[in-house]
Amino acid sequence: MSRHRKVIITCAITGAAHTPSMSPHLPITPTQIAEESIAAAEAGAAILHLHARDPRDGRPTPDPEVFAAFLPRIKQATKAVVNITTGGGAGMTLDERLAAPLRFKPELSSLNMGTMSPIGRHLLADRRSDWQYAWEPEMLRGARTRVYNNCDEVIETILRQLGDGCGTRFECECYDLGHLYNVAQFLDRGLLTPPVFVQTVFGFSGAMGADPENLTHVRRIADKLFGDDYHWSILATGRHQMGLCTVGAVMGANVRVGLEDSLYLGKGKLARGNAEQVARIRQILELLSIDIATPDDAREMLQLKGADQVGF
């Protein structure tokens, strides 16, 4: 792992997993997403990981026009690195997933490094009856037969079209140990170039559990596969967010927080916004004498092309 001393805080602003009924603070409209992003950057996030939502009912959308309503505002108001998802949301085709990043050519994009299925997620549909929109429980129930397709061809297509074609680098999201070996294979094939930004995901349905033993094992295997040619980052879902990120940061990892990954600030307390989570993890890390990376630090560490080279 790279021995850079500063920790990058990524903030994932809204995602595609949570629904409007789960929290009144989830950003839905372009204005809300822009305001939440700007506040998160001011609180200390060097990278902003962005999805879009239909402002009419909050469902995830790949529509580039919705992204266009908030991306320029974020760029004008912050120096943060903008990271546009290629994961999208449930049921989106590859063309839909690539529509926004290919149009806007960001410095960084997320890239899921393997196919997965959200085992057990459909059970959330029966935990409440006061859904605001019919699509919310329908999306959750659909998870029982859903597969997020990130096969070899899909990953290669994204790497060639967005990486080679647009100069975008990748947040390689690894939900399982085997995904690290997928990263290594694409490095060997020359489709990824070091240093790789490895985002290990803990606590997602059907993926690695949010257990410190998994954390240390993943770190050990990543060091074996990538040596000094990678930057490690940790995200953990739900109640595990702050604890596991703290453990990871002490071990040398970067961290990711945000309402995409957890709706809470603490036990039983909904976060009122992304900035609260960024401020909390920043406070924890600074109390541990860990320096926080600026956006320019993140660009240098990850060898990004620069904000002047994006398409928005």
C-alpha atoms as a PDB file:
ATOM      1  CA  MET A   1       0.000   0.000   0.000  1.00  0.00           C
ATOM      2  CA  SER A   2       1.160   3.525  -0.721  1.00  0.00           C
ATOM      3  CA  ARG A   3       2.678   5.080   2.377  1.00  0.00           C
ATOM      4  CA  HIS A   4       1.249   8.557   1.788  1.00  0.00           C
ATOM      5  CA  ARG A   5       0.530  10.050   5.213  1.00  0.00           C
ATOM      6  CA  LYS A   6      -2.641  11.976   4.452  1.00  0.00           C
ATOM      7  CA  VAL A   7      -6.080  10.359   4.437  1.00  0.00           C
ATOM      8  CA  ILE A   8      -8.545  11.067   1.628  1.00  0.00           C
ATOM      9  CA  ILE A   9     -12.147  11.442   2.792  1.00  0.00           C
ATOM     10  CA  THR A  10     -14.630  10.488   0.081  1.00  0.00           C
ATOM     11  CA  CYS A  11     -18.290  11.390   0.558  1.00  0.00           C
ATOM     12  CA  ALA A  12     -20.952   9.387  -1.314  1.00  0.00           C
ATOM     13  CA  ILE A  13     -23.826  11.847  -1.411  1.00  0.00           C
ATOM     14  CA  THR A  14     -26.980   9.868  -2.263  1.00  0.00           C
ATOM     15  CA  GLY A  15     -26.385   6.508  -4.018  1.00  0.00           C
ATOM     16  CA  ALA A  16     -29.065   4.164  -5.322  1.00  0.00           C
ATOM     17  CA  ALA A  17     -29.774   1.820  -2.407  1.00  0.00           C
ATOM     18  CA  HIS A  18     -31.678   4.033   0.034  1.00  0.00           C
ATOM     19  CA  THR A  19     -35.144   5.400  -0.729  1.00  0.00           C
ATOM     20  CA  PRO A  20     -36.905   8.650   0.235  1.00  0.00           C
ATOM     21  CA  SER A  21     -39.043   6.936   2.881  1.00  0.00           C
ATOM     22  CA  MET A  22     -35.948   5.797   4.766  1.00  0.00           C
ATOM     23  CA  SER A  23     -34.814   9.309   5.659  1.00  0.00           C
ATOM     24  CA  PRO A  24     -36.188  12.833   5.152  1.00  0.00           C
ATOM     25  CA  HIS A  25     -32.599  14.032   4.793  1.00  0.00           C
ATOM     26  CA  LEU A  26     -31.709  11.975   1.706  1.00  0.00           C
ATOM     27  CA  PRO A  27     -30.841  14.374  -1.162  1.00  0.00           C
ATOM     28  CA  ILE A  28     -33.207  13.925  -4.088  1.00  0.00           C
ATOM     29  CA  THR A  29     -33.333  17.001  -6.311  1.00  0.00           C
ATOM     30  CA  PRO A  30     -30.363  18.466  -8.214  1.00  0.00           C
ATOM     31  CA  THR A  31     -30.405  21.458  -5.882  1.00  0.00           C
ATOM     32  CA  GLN A  32     -30.271  19.208  -2.822  1.00  0.00           C
ATOM     33  CA  ILE A  33     -27.479  17.085  -4.302  1.00  0.00           C
ATOM     34  CA  ALA A  34     -25.466  20.206  -5.151  1.00  0.00           C
ATOM     35  CA  GLU A  35     -25.973  21.744  -1.722  1.00  0.00           C
ATOM     36  CA  GLU A  36     -25.103  18.504   0.065  1.00  0.00           C
ATOM     37  CA  SER A  37     -21.981  18.083  -2.065  1.00  0.00           C
ATOM     38  CA  ILE A  38     -20.776  21.611  -1.422  1.00  0.00           C
ATOM     39  CA  ALA A  39     -21.366  21.247   2.318  1.00  0.00           C
ATOM     40  CA  ALA A  40     -19.518  17.922   2.374  1.00  0.00           C
ATOM     41  CA  ALA A  41     -16.543  19.461   0.573  1.00  0.00           C
ATOM     42  CA  GLU A  42     -16.483  22.371   3.010  1.00  0.00           C
ATOM     43  CA  ALA A  43     -16.497  19.861   5.882  1.00  0.00           C
ATOM     44  CA  GLY A  44     -13.396  18.132   4.514  1.00  0.00           C
ATOM     45  CA  ALA A  45     -14.339  15.700   1.728  1.00  0.00           C
ATOM     46  CA  ALA A  46     -11.707  15.681  -1.006  1.00  0.00           C
ATOM     47  CA  ILE A  47     -13.763  13.421  -3.316  1.00  0.00           C
ATOM     48  CA  LEU A  48     -17.508  13.556  -3.995  1.00  0.00           C
ATOM     49  CA  HIS A  49     -19.016  10.276  -5.244  1.00  0.00           C
ATOM     50  CA  LEU A  50     -22.183  11.126  -7.169  1.00  0.00           C
ATOM     51  CA  HIS A  51     -25.368   9.430  -8.347  1.00  0.00           C
ATOM     52  CA  ALA A  52     -28.486  11.176  -9.655  1.00  0.00           C
ATOM     53  CA  ARG A  53     -32.156  10.830  -8.752  1.00  0.00           C
ATOM     54  CA  ASP A  54     -35.391  11.687 -10.519  1.00  0.00           C
ATOM     55  CA  PRO A  55     -36.485  14.879  -8.739  1.00  0.00           C
ATOM     56  CA  ARG A  56     -40.160  13.880  -9.104  1.00  0.00           C
ATOM     57  CA  ASP A  57     -40.050  10.792  -6.889  1.00  0.00           C
ATOM     58  CA  GLY A  58     -36.440  10.186  -5.851  1.00  0.00           C
ATOM     59  CA  ARG A  59     -35.825   7.010  -7.844  1.00  0.00           C
ATOM     60  CA  PRO A  60     -32.237   6.524  -9.125  1.00  0.00           C
ATOM     61  CA  THR A  61     -31.764   7.776 -12.682  1.00  0.00           C
ATOM     62  CA  PRO A  62     -28.885   7.588 -15.186  1.00  0.00           C
ATOM     63  CA  ASP A  63     -30.210  10.624 -17.130  1.00  0.00           C
ATOM     64  CA  PRO A  64     -27.257  12.895 -18.025  1.00  0.00           C
ATOM     65  CA  GLU A  65     -29.580  15.907 -18.020  1.00  0.00           C
ATOM     66  CA  VAL A  66     -30.167  15.421 -14.296  1.00  0.00           C
ATOM     67  CA  PHE A  67     -26.410  15.232 -13.696  1.00  0.00           C
ATOM     68  CA  ALA A  68     -26.030  18.385 -15.788  1.00  0.00           C
ATOM     69  CA  ALA A  69     -28.287  20.215 -13.342  1.00  0.00           C
ATOM     70  CA  PHE A  70     -25.838  19.820 -10.449  1.00  0.00           C
ATOM     71  CA  LEU A  71     -22.324  19.067 -11.744  1.00  0.00           C
ATOM     72  CA  PRO A  72     -21.385  22.607 -12.892  1.00  0.00           C
ATOM     73  CA  ARG A  73     -22.604  24.111  -9.640  1.00  0.00           C
ATOM     74  CA  ILE A  74     -20.463  21.717  -7.604  1.00  0.00           C
ATOM     75  CA  LYS A  75     -17.403  22.420  -9.748  1.00  0.00           C
ATOM     76  CA  GLN A  76     -17.871  26.189  -9.452  1.00  0.00           C
ATOM     77  CA  ALA A  77     -18.300  26.109  -5.663  1.00  0.00           C
ATOM     78  CA  THR A  78     -15.641  23.556  -4.621  1.00  0.00           C
ATOM     79  CA  LYS A  79     -12.225  22.200  -5.517  1.00  0.00           C
ATOM     80  CA  ALA A  80     -13.328  18.659  -4.712  1.00  0.00           C
ATOM     81  CA  VAL A  81     -12.694  15.788  -7.107  1.00  0.00           C
ATOM     82  CA  VAL A  82     -15.982  14.765  -8.738  1.00  0.00           C
ATOM     83  CA  ASN A  83     -16.487  11.012  -9.024  1.00  0.00           C
ATOM     84  CA  ILE A  84     -19.419   9.915 -11.215  1.00  0.00           C
ATOM     85  CA  THR A  85     -20.795   6.419 -10.729  1.00  0.00           C
ATOM     86  CA  THR A  86     -20.691   3.743 -13.404  1.00  0.00           C
ATOM     87  CA  GLY A  87     -22.690   1.437 -11.143  1.00  0.00           C
ATOM     88  CA  GLY A  88     -25.941   3.330 -11.559  1.00  0.00           C
ATOM     89  CA  GLY A  89     -28.813   1.463  -9.988  1.00  0.00           C
ATOM     90  CA  ALA A  90     -31.118  -1.521 -10.212  1.00  0.00           C
ATOM     91  CA  GLY A  91     -32.019  -2.591 -13.726  1.00  0.00           C
ATOM     92  CA  MET A  92     -29.894  -0.054 -15.605  1.00  0.00           C
ATOM     93  CA  THR A  93     -28.207  -1.181 -18.815  1.00  0.00           C
ATOM     94  CA  LEU A  94     -24.517  -0.631 -19.432  1.00  0.00           C
ATOM     95  CA  ASP A  95     -25.303   2.131 -21.933  1.00  0.00           C
ATOM     96  CA  GLU A  96     -27.388   3.877 -19.294  1.00  0.00           C
ATOM     97  CA  ARG A  97     -24.679   3.444 -16.668  1.00  0.00           C
ATOM     98  CA  LEU A  98     -22.094   4.983 -18.986  1.00  0.00           C
ATOM     99  CA  ALA A  99     -24.219   7.823 -20.369  1.00  0.00           C
ATOM    100  CA  ALA A 100     -23.330  10.451 -17.759  1.00  0.00           C
ATOM    101  CA  PRO A 101     -19.637   9.615 -17.242  1.00  0.00           C
ATOM    102  CA  LEU A 102     -18.967   9.460 -20.993  1.00  0.00           C
ATOM    103  CA  ARG A 103     -20.638  12.827 -21.473  1.00  0.00           C
ATOM    104  CA  PHE A 104     -18.951  14.588 -18.540  1.00  0.00           C
ATOM    105  CA  LYS A 105     -15.541  12.844 -18.557  1.00  0.00           C
ATOM    106  CA  PRO A 106     -14.851  13.124 -14.814  1.00  0.00           C
ATOM    107  CA  GLU A 107     -11.458  12.826 -13.166  1.00  0.00           C
ATOM    108  CA  LEU A 108     -12.664   9.736 -11.307  1.00  0.00           C
ATOM    109  CA  SER A 109     -15.454   7.187 -11.662  1.00  0.00           C
ATOM    110  CA  SER A 110     -16.515   4.262  -9.499  1.00  0.00           C
ATOM    111  CA  LEU A 111     -16.161   0.803 -11.029  1.00  0.00           C
ATOM    112  CA  ASN A 112     -17.572  -2.354  -9.442  1.00  0.00           C
ATOM    113  CA  MET A 113     -14.976  -5.096  -9.864  1.00  0.00           C
ATOM    114  CA  GLY A 114     -17.267  -8.109  -9.988  1.00  0.00           C
ATOM    115  CA  THR A 115     -20.817  -9.376 -10.421  1.00  0.00           C
ATOM    116  CA  MET A 116     -22.873  -9.686  -7.247  1.00  0.00           C
ATOM    117  CA  SER A 117     -26.387 -10.235  -5.921  1.00  0.00           C
ATOM    118  CA  PRO A 118     -27.895  -8.358  -2.926  1.00  0.00           C
ATOM    119  CA  ILE A 119     -28.815 -11.434  -0.878  1.00  0.00           C
ATOM    120  CA  GLY A 120     -31.559 -10.734   1.671  1.00  0.00           C
ATOM    121  CA  ARG A 121     -32.175  -7.136   0.667  1.00  0.00           C
ATOM    122  CA  HIS A 122     -35.743  -7.911  -0.416  1.00  0.00           C
ATOM    123  CA  LEU A 123     -36.654  -8.481   3.259  1.00  0.00           C
ATOM    124  CA  LEU A 124     -36.475  -4.719   3.865  1.00  0.00           C
ATOM    125  CA  ALA A 125     -39.667  -4.248   1.833  1.00  0.00           C
ATOM    126  CA  ASP A 126     -41.784  -5.750   4.614  1.00  0.00           C
ATOM    127  CA  ARG A 127     -40.279  -3.746   7.461  1.00  0.00           C
ATOM    128  CA  ARG A 128     -42.577  -0.783   6.954  1.00  0.00           C
ATOM    129  CA  SER A 129     -45.926   0.041   5.391  1.00  0.00           C
ATOM    130  CA  ASP A 130     -45.656   3.823   5.033  1.00  0.00           C
ATOM    131  CA  TRP A 131     -43.714   3.978   1.769  1.00  0.00           C
ATOM    132  CA  GLN A 132     -44.034   7.343   0.022  1.00  0.00           C
ATOM    133  CA  TYR A 133     -43.773   5.878  -3.488  1.00  0.00           C
ATOM    134  CA  ALA A 134     -44.784   2.521  -4.936  1.00  0.00           C
ATOM    135  CA  TRP A 135     -41.396   2.068  -6.622  1.00  0.00           C
ATOM    136  CA  GLU A 136     -39.600   1.845  -3.254  1.00  0.00           C
ATOM    137  CA  PRO A 137     -40.903  -1.546  -2.001  1.00  0.00           C
ATOM    138  CA  GLU A 138     -41.029  -2.801  -5.592  1.00  0.00           C
ATOM    139  CA  MET A 139     -37.304  -2.085  -6.009  1.00  0.00           C
ATOM    140  CA  LEU A 140     -36.493  -3.816  -2.743  1.00  0.00           C
ATOM    141  CA  ARG A 141     -38.604  -6.888  -3.509  1.00  0.00           C
ATOM    142  CA  GLY A 142     -36.970  -7.110  -6.912  1.00  0.00           C
ATOM    143  CA  ALA A 143     -33.597  -7.600  -5.229  1.00  0.00           C
ATOM    144  CA  ARG A 144     -34.492 -11.262  -4.651  1.00  0.00           C
ATOM    145  CA  THR A 145     -33.843 -12.049  -8.328  1.00  0.00           C
ATOM    146  CA  ARG A 146     -31.444  -9.206  -9.132  1.00  0.00           C
ATOM    147  CA  VAL A 147     -27.859  -9.576 -10.280  1.00  0.00           C
ATOM    148  CA  TYR A 148     -25.601  -6.555 -10.668  1.00  0.00           C
ATOM    149  CA  ASN A 149     -23.783  -7.466 -13.860  1.00  0.00           C
ATOM    150  CA  ASN A 150     -20.106  -6.596 -13.751  1.00  0.00           C
ATOM    151  CA  CYS A 151     -18.753  -9.409 -15.885  1.00  0.00           C
ATOM    152  CA  ASP A 152     -15.419  -9.297 -17.723  1.00  0.00           C
ATOM    153  CA  GLU A 153     -16.918  -7.692 -20.820  1.00  0.00           C
ATOM    154  CA  VAL A 154     -18.699  -4.970 -18.826  1.00  0.00           C
ATOM    155  CA  ILE A 155     -15.585  -4.024 -16.848  1.00  0.00           C
ATOM    156  CA  GLU A 156     -13.404  -4.043 -19.955  1.00  0.00           C
ATOM    157  CA  THR A 157     -15.886  -1.868 -21.849  1.00  0.00           C
ATOM    158  CA  ILE A 158     -15.924   0.704 -19.047  1.00  0.00           C
ATOM    159  CA  LEU A 159     -12.129   0.709 -18.782  1.00  0.00           C
ATOM    160  CA  ARG A 160     -11.661   1.164 -22.523  1.00  0.00           C
ATOM    161  CA  GLN A 161     -14.398   3.715 -23.198  1.00  0.00           C
ATOM    162  CA  LEU A 162     -14.055   5.809 -20.069  1.00  0.00           C
ATOM    163  CA  GLY A 163     -10.463   5.179 -19.063  1.00  0.00           C
ATOM    164  CA  ASP A 164      -8.689   5.054 -22.406  1.00  0.00           C
ATOM    165  CA  GLY A 165     -11.229   7.281 -24.156  1.00  0.00           C
ATOM    166  CA  CYS A 166     -11.695  10.017 -21.547  1.00  0.00           C
ATOM    167  CA  GLY A 167      -8.644   9.883 -19.286  1.00  0.00           C
ATOM    168  CA  THR A 168     -10.807   9.014 -16.275  1.00  0.00           C
ATOM    169  CA  ARG A 169      -9.286   6.980 -13.459  1.00  0.00           C
ATOM    170  CA  PHE A 170     -11.266   4.620 -11.237  1.00  0.00           C
ATOM    171  CA  GLU A 171     -12.421   4.008  -7.698  1.00  0.00           C
ATOM    172  CA  CYS A 172     -12.244   0.207  -7.930  1.00  0.00           C
ATOM    173  CA  GLU A 173     -15.050  -0.977  -5.656  1.00  0.00           C
ATOM    174  CA  CYS A 174     -14.286  -4.419  -4.248  1.00  0.00           C
ATOM    175  CA  TYR A 175     -17.183  -6.122  -2.481  1.00  0.00           C
ATOM    176  CA  ASP A 176     -15.442  -9.445  -2.042  1.00  0.00           C
ATOM    177  CA  LEU A 177     -11.939 -10.842  -1.798  1.00  0.00           C
ATOM    178  CA  GLY A 178     -12.100 -12.179  -5.354  1.00  0.00           C
ATOM    179  CA  HIS A 179     -12.646  -8.646  -6.635  1.00  0.00           C
ATOM    180  CA  LEU A 180      -9.091  -7.812  -5.557  1.00  0.00           C
ATOM    181  CA  TYR A 181      -7.863 -10.567  -7.856  1.00  0.00           C
ATOM    182  CA  ASN A 182     -10.006  -9.081 -10.637  1.00  0.00           C
ATOM    183  CA  VAL A 183      -8.243  -5.749 -10.145  1.00  0.00           C
ATOM    184  CA  ALA A 184      -4.902  -7.568 -10.353  1.00  0.00           C
ATOM    185  CA  GLN A 185      -5.940  -9.289 -13.580  1.00  0.00           C
ATOM    186  CA  PHE A 186      -6.949  -6.029 -15.261  1.00  0.00           C
ATOM    187  CA  LEU A 187      -3.642  -4.524 -14.151  1.00  0.00           C
ATOM    188  CA  ASP A 188      -1.810  -7.451 -15.736  1.00  0.00           C
ATOM    189  CA  ARG A 189      -3.793  -6.938 -18.946  1.00  0.00           C
ATOM    190  CA  GLY A 190      -2.839  -3.259 -19.035  1.00  0.00           C
ATOM    191  CA  LEU A 191      -6.438  -2.055 -18.782  1.00  0.00           C
ATOM    192  CA  LEU A 192      -5.824  -0.534 -15.347  1.00  0.00           C
ATOM    193  CA  THR A 193      -2.681   1.419 -14.565  1.00  0.00           C
ATOM    194  CA  PRO A 194      -1.136   1.958 -11.135  1.00  0.00           C
ATOM    195  CA  PRO A 195      -1.562   3.413  -8.683  1.00  0.00           C
ATOM    196  CA  VAL A 196      -5.017   1.863  -8.323  1.00  0.00           C
ATOM    197  CA  PHE A 197      -7.563   3.292  -5.913  1.00  0.00           C
ATOM    198  CA  VAL A 198      -9.014   0.227  -4.174  1.00  0.00           C
ATOM    199  CA  GLN A 199     -12.277   0.876  -2.317  1.00  0.00           C
ATOM    200  CA  THR A 200     -13.075  -2.170  -0.188  1.00  0.00           C
ATOM    201  CA  VAL A 201     -16.764  -2.437   0.702  1.00  0.00           C
ATOM    202  CA  PHE A 202     -17.972  -4.034   3.928  1.00  0.00           C
ATOM    203  CA  GLY A 203     -21.510  -4.804   5.083  1.00  0.00           C
ATOM    204  CA  PHE A 204     -23.291  -4.656   1.708  1.00  0.00           C
ATOM    205  CA  SER A 205     -25.938  -7.362   1.216  1.00  0.00           C
ATOM    206  CA  GLY A 206     -24.339 -10.443  -0.314  1.00  0.00           C
ATOM    207  CA  ALA A 207     -20.775  -9.187   0.122  1.00  0.00           C
ATOM    208  CA  MET A 208     -18.048  -9.122   2.797  1.00  0.00           C
ATOM    209  CA  GLY A 209     -19.274  -8.690   6.349  1.00  0.00           C
ATOM    210  CA  ALA A 210     -18.293  -5.594   8.319  1.00  0.00           C
ATOM    211  CA  ASP A 211     -15.841  -7.460  10.500  1.00  0.00           C
ATOM    212  CA  PRO A 212     -12.369  -6.162  11.479  1.00  0.00           C
ATOM    213  CA  GLU A 213     -10.957  -9.630  10.706  1.00  0.00           C
ATOM    214  CA  ASN A 214     -12.143  -9.220   7.106  1.00  0.00           C
ATOM    215  CA  LEU A 215     -10.547  -5.787   7.066  1.00  0.00           C
ATOM    216  CA  THR A 216      -7.135  -7.041   8.092  1.00  0.00           C
ATOM    217  CA  HIS A 217      -7.305 -10.004   5.698  1.00  0.00           C
ATOM    218  CA  VAL A 218      -8.241  -7.780   2.761  1.00  0.00           C
ATOM    219  CA  ARG A 219      -5.350  -5.455   3.602  1.00  0.00           C
ATOM    220  CA  ARG A 220      -2.939  -8.399   3.702  1.00  0.00           C
ATOM    221  CA  ILE A 221      -4.070  -9.753   0.313  1.00  0.00           C
ATOM    222  CA  ALA A 222      -4.076  -6.303  -1.305  1.00  0.00           C
ATOM    223  CA  ASP A 223      -0.525  -5.703  -0.117  1.00  0.00           C
ATOM    224  CA  LYS A 224       0.443  -9.073  -1.580  1.00  0.00           C
ATOM    225  CA  LEU A 225      -1.184  -8.306  -4.949  1.00  0.00           C
ATOM    226  CA  PHE A 226      -0.341  -4.635  -5.403  1.00  0.00           C
ATOM    227  CA  GLY A 227       2.643  -3.814  -3.181  1.00  0.00           C
ATOM    228  CA  ASP A 228       3.121  -0.041  -3.052  1.00  0.00           C
ATOM    229  CA  ASP A 229       1.119   0.551  -6.250  1.00  0.00           C
ATOM    230  CA  TYR A 230      -2.285   1.148  -4.683  1.00  0.00           C
ATOM    231  CA  HIS A 231      -4.188   3.503  -2.411  1.00  0.00           C
ATOM    232  CA  TRP A 232      -6.554   1.677  -0.085  1.00  0.00           C
ATOM    233  CA  SER A 233      -9.913   3.025   1.058  1.00  0.00           C
ATOM    234  CA  ILE A 234     -12.607   1.679   3.375  1.00  0.00           C
ATOM    235  CA  LEU A 235     -16.370   2.031   3.328  1.00  0.00           C
ATOM    236  CA  ALA A 236     -18.750   0.245   5.656  1.00  0.00           C
ATOM    237  CA  THR A 237     -22.525   0.318   5.509  1.00  0.00           C
ATOM    238  CA  GLY A 238     -24.994   1.291   8.199  1.00  0.00           C
ATOM    239  CA  ARG A 239     -23.962   1.239  11.843  1.00  0.00           C
ATOM    240  CA  HIS A 240     -20.488  -0.018  10.974  1.00  0.00           C
ATOM    241  CA  GLN A 241     -19.540   3.112   9.030  1.00  0.00           C
ATOM    242  CA  MET A 242     -17.608   5.162  11.574  1.00  0.00           C
ATOM    243  CA  GLY A 243     -16.069   2.275  13.527  1.00  0.00           C
ATOM    244  CA  LEU A 244     -14.662   0.314  10.615  1.00  0.00           C
ATOM    245  CA  CYS A 245     -13.499   3.461   8.805  1.00  0.00           C
ATOM    246  CA  THR A 246     -11.614   4.474  11.938  1.00  0.00           C
ATOM    247  CA  VAL A 247      -9.944   1.059  12.217  1.00  0.00           C
ATOM    248  CA  GLY A 248      -9.002   1.236   8.537  1.00  0.00           C
ATOM    249  CA  ALA A 249      -7.584   4.743   8.819  1.00  0.00           C
ATOM    250  CA  VAL A 250      -5.387   3.709  11.751  1.00  0.00           C
ATOM    251  CA  MET A 251      -4.086   0.921   9.489  1.00  0.00           C
ATOM    252  CA  GLY A 252      -3.278   3.469   6.774  1.00  0.00           C
ATOM    253  CA  ALA A 253      -6.450   3.444   4.670  1.00  0.00           C
ATOM    254  CA  ASN A 254      -8.416   6.299   3.200  1.00  0.00           C
ATOM    255  CA  VAL A 255     -12.103   6.459   4.163  1.00  0.00           C
ATOM    256  CA  ARG A 256     -15.535   6.923   2.615  1.00  0.00           C
ATOM    257  CA  VAL A 257     -18.673   8.122   4.370  1.00  0.00           C
ATOM    258  CA  GLY A 258     -21.971   9.597   3.145  1.00  0.00           C
ATOM    259  CA  LEU A 259     -25.683   8.955   2.964  1.00  0.00           C
ATOM    260  CA  GLU A 260     -25.219   6.420   0.180  1.00  0.00           C
ATOM    261  CA  ASP A 261     -23.541   4.106   2.678  1.00  0.00           C
ATOM    262  CA  SER A 262     -25.320   4.969   5.942  1.00  0.00           C
ATOM    263  CA  LEU A 263     -28.271   7.174   6.853  1.00  0.00           C
ATOM    264  CA  TYR A 264     -27.096   7.512  10.455  1.00  0.00           C
ATOM    265  CA  LEU A 265     -24.647   9.611  12.442  1.00  0.00           C
ATOM    266  CA  GLY A 266     -24.845   7.424  15.545  1.00  0.00           C
ATOM    267  CA  LYS A 267     -27.019   4.795  17.180  1.00  0.00           C
ATOM    268  CA  GLY A 268     -30.651   5.661  16.437  1.00  0.00           C
ATOM    269  CA  LYS A 269     -29.751   9.124  15.160  1.00  0.00           C
ATOM    270  CA  LEU A 270     -30.333   9.958  11.517  1.00  0.00           C
ATOM    271  CA  ALA A 271     -27.673  12.146   9.954  1.00  0.00           C
ATOM    272  CA  ARG A 272     -29.190  15.461   8.905  1.00  0.00           C
ATOM    273  CA  GLY A 273     -26.837  15.623   5.974  1.00  0.00           C
ATOM    274  CA  ASN A 274     -23.612  14.336   4.467  1.00  0.00           C
ATOM    275  CA  ALA A 275     -21.539  17.115   6.003  1.00  0.00           C
ATOM    276  CA  GLU A 276     -22.313  15.798   9.493  1.00  0.00           C
ATOM    277  CA  GLN A 277     -20.758  12.445   8.650  1.00  0.00           C
ATOM    278  CA  VAL A 278     -17.716  14.063   7.012  1.00  0.00           C
ATOM    279  CA  ALA A 279     -17.209  16.350  10.002  1.00  0.00           C
ATOM    280  CA  ARG A 280     -17.524  13.407  12.407  1.00  0.00           C
ATOM    281  CA  ILE A 281     -14.956  11.193  10.685  1.00  0.00           C
ATOM    282  CA  ARG A 282     -12.637  14.156  10.225  1.00  0.00           C
ATOM    283  CA  GLN A 283     -12.862  14.951  13.926  1.00  0.00           C
ATOM    284  CA  ILE A 284     -12.091  11.335  14.839  1.00  0.00           C
ATOM    285  CA  LEU A 285      -9.082  11.186  12.520  1.00  0.00           C
ATOM    286  CA  GLU A 286      -7.664  14.512  13.628  1.00  0.00           C
ATOM    287  CA  LEU A 287      -7.951  13.437  17.271  1.00  0.00           C
ATOM    288  CA  LEU A 288      -5.794  10.478  16.239  1.00  0.00           C
ATOM    289  CA  SER A 289      -3.225  12.899  14.735  1.00  0.00           C
ATOM    290  CA  ILE A 290      -4.062  11.785  11.179  1.00  0.00           C
ATOM    291  CA  ASP A 291      -3.743  14.487   8.522  1.00  0.00           C
ATOM    292  CA  ILE A 292      -6.619  15.031   6.099  1.00  0.00           C
ATOM    293  CA  ALA A 293      -5.934  15.215   2.361  1.00  0.00           C
ATOM    294  CA  THR A 294      -7.055  18.246   0.396  1.00  0.00           C
ATOM    295  CA  PRO A 295      -8.548  17.821  -3.094  1.00  0.00           C
ATOM    296  CA  ASP A 296      -5.175  18.714  -4.610  1.00  0.00           C
ATOM    297  CA  ASP A 297      -3.507  16.111  -2.388  1.00  0.00           C
ATOM    298  CA  ALA A 298      -6.000  13.537  -3.664  1.00  0.00           C
ATOM    299  CA  ARG A 299      -5.286  14.500  -7.274  1.00  0.00           C
ATOM    300  CA  GLU A 300      -1.559  14.055  -6.725  1.00  0.00           C
ATOM    301  CA  MET A 301      -1.943  10.761  -4.873  1.00  0.00           C
ATOM    302  CA  LEU A 302      -4.298   9.232  -7.443  1.00  0.00           C
ATOM    303  CA  GLN A 303      -2.590  10.842 -10.467  1.00  0.00           C
ATOM    304  CA  LEU A 304      -5.796  12.419 -11.765  1.00  0.00           C
ATOM    305  CA  LYS A 305      -5.959  14.538 -14.903  1.00  0.00           C
ATOM    306  CA  GLY A 306      -7.232  17.706 -13.192  1.00  0.00           C
ATOM    307  CA  ALA A 307     -10.532  19.575 -12.986  1.00  0.00           C
ATOM    308  CA  ASP A 308      -9.719  21.582 -16.124  1.00  0.00           C
ATOM    309  CA  GLN A 309      -9.924  18.374 -18.193  1.00  0.00           C
ATOM    310  CA  VAL A 310     -13.500  17.355 -17.363  1.00  0.00           C
ATOM    311  CA  GLY A 311     -16.559  17.874 -19.569  1.00  0.00           C
ATOM    312  CA  PHE A 312     -18.691  20.048 -17.306  1.00  0.00           C
END
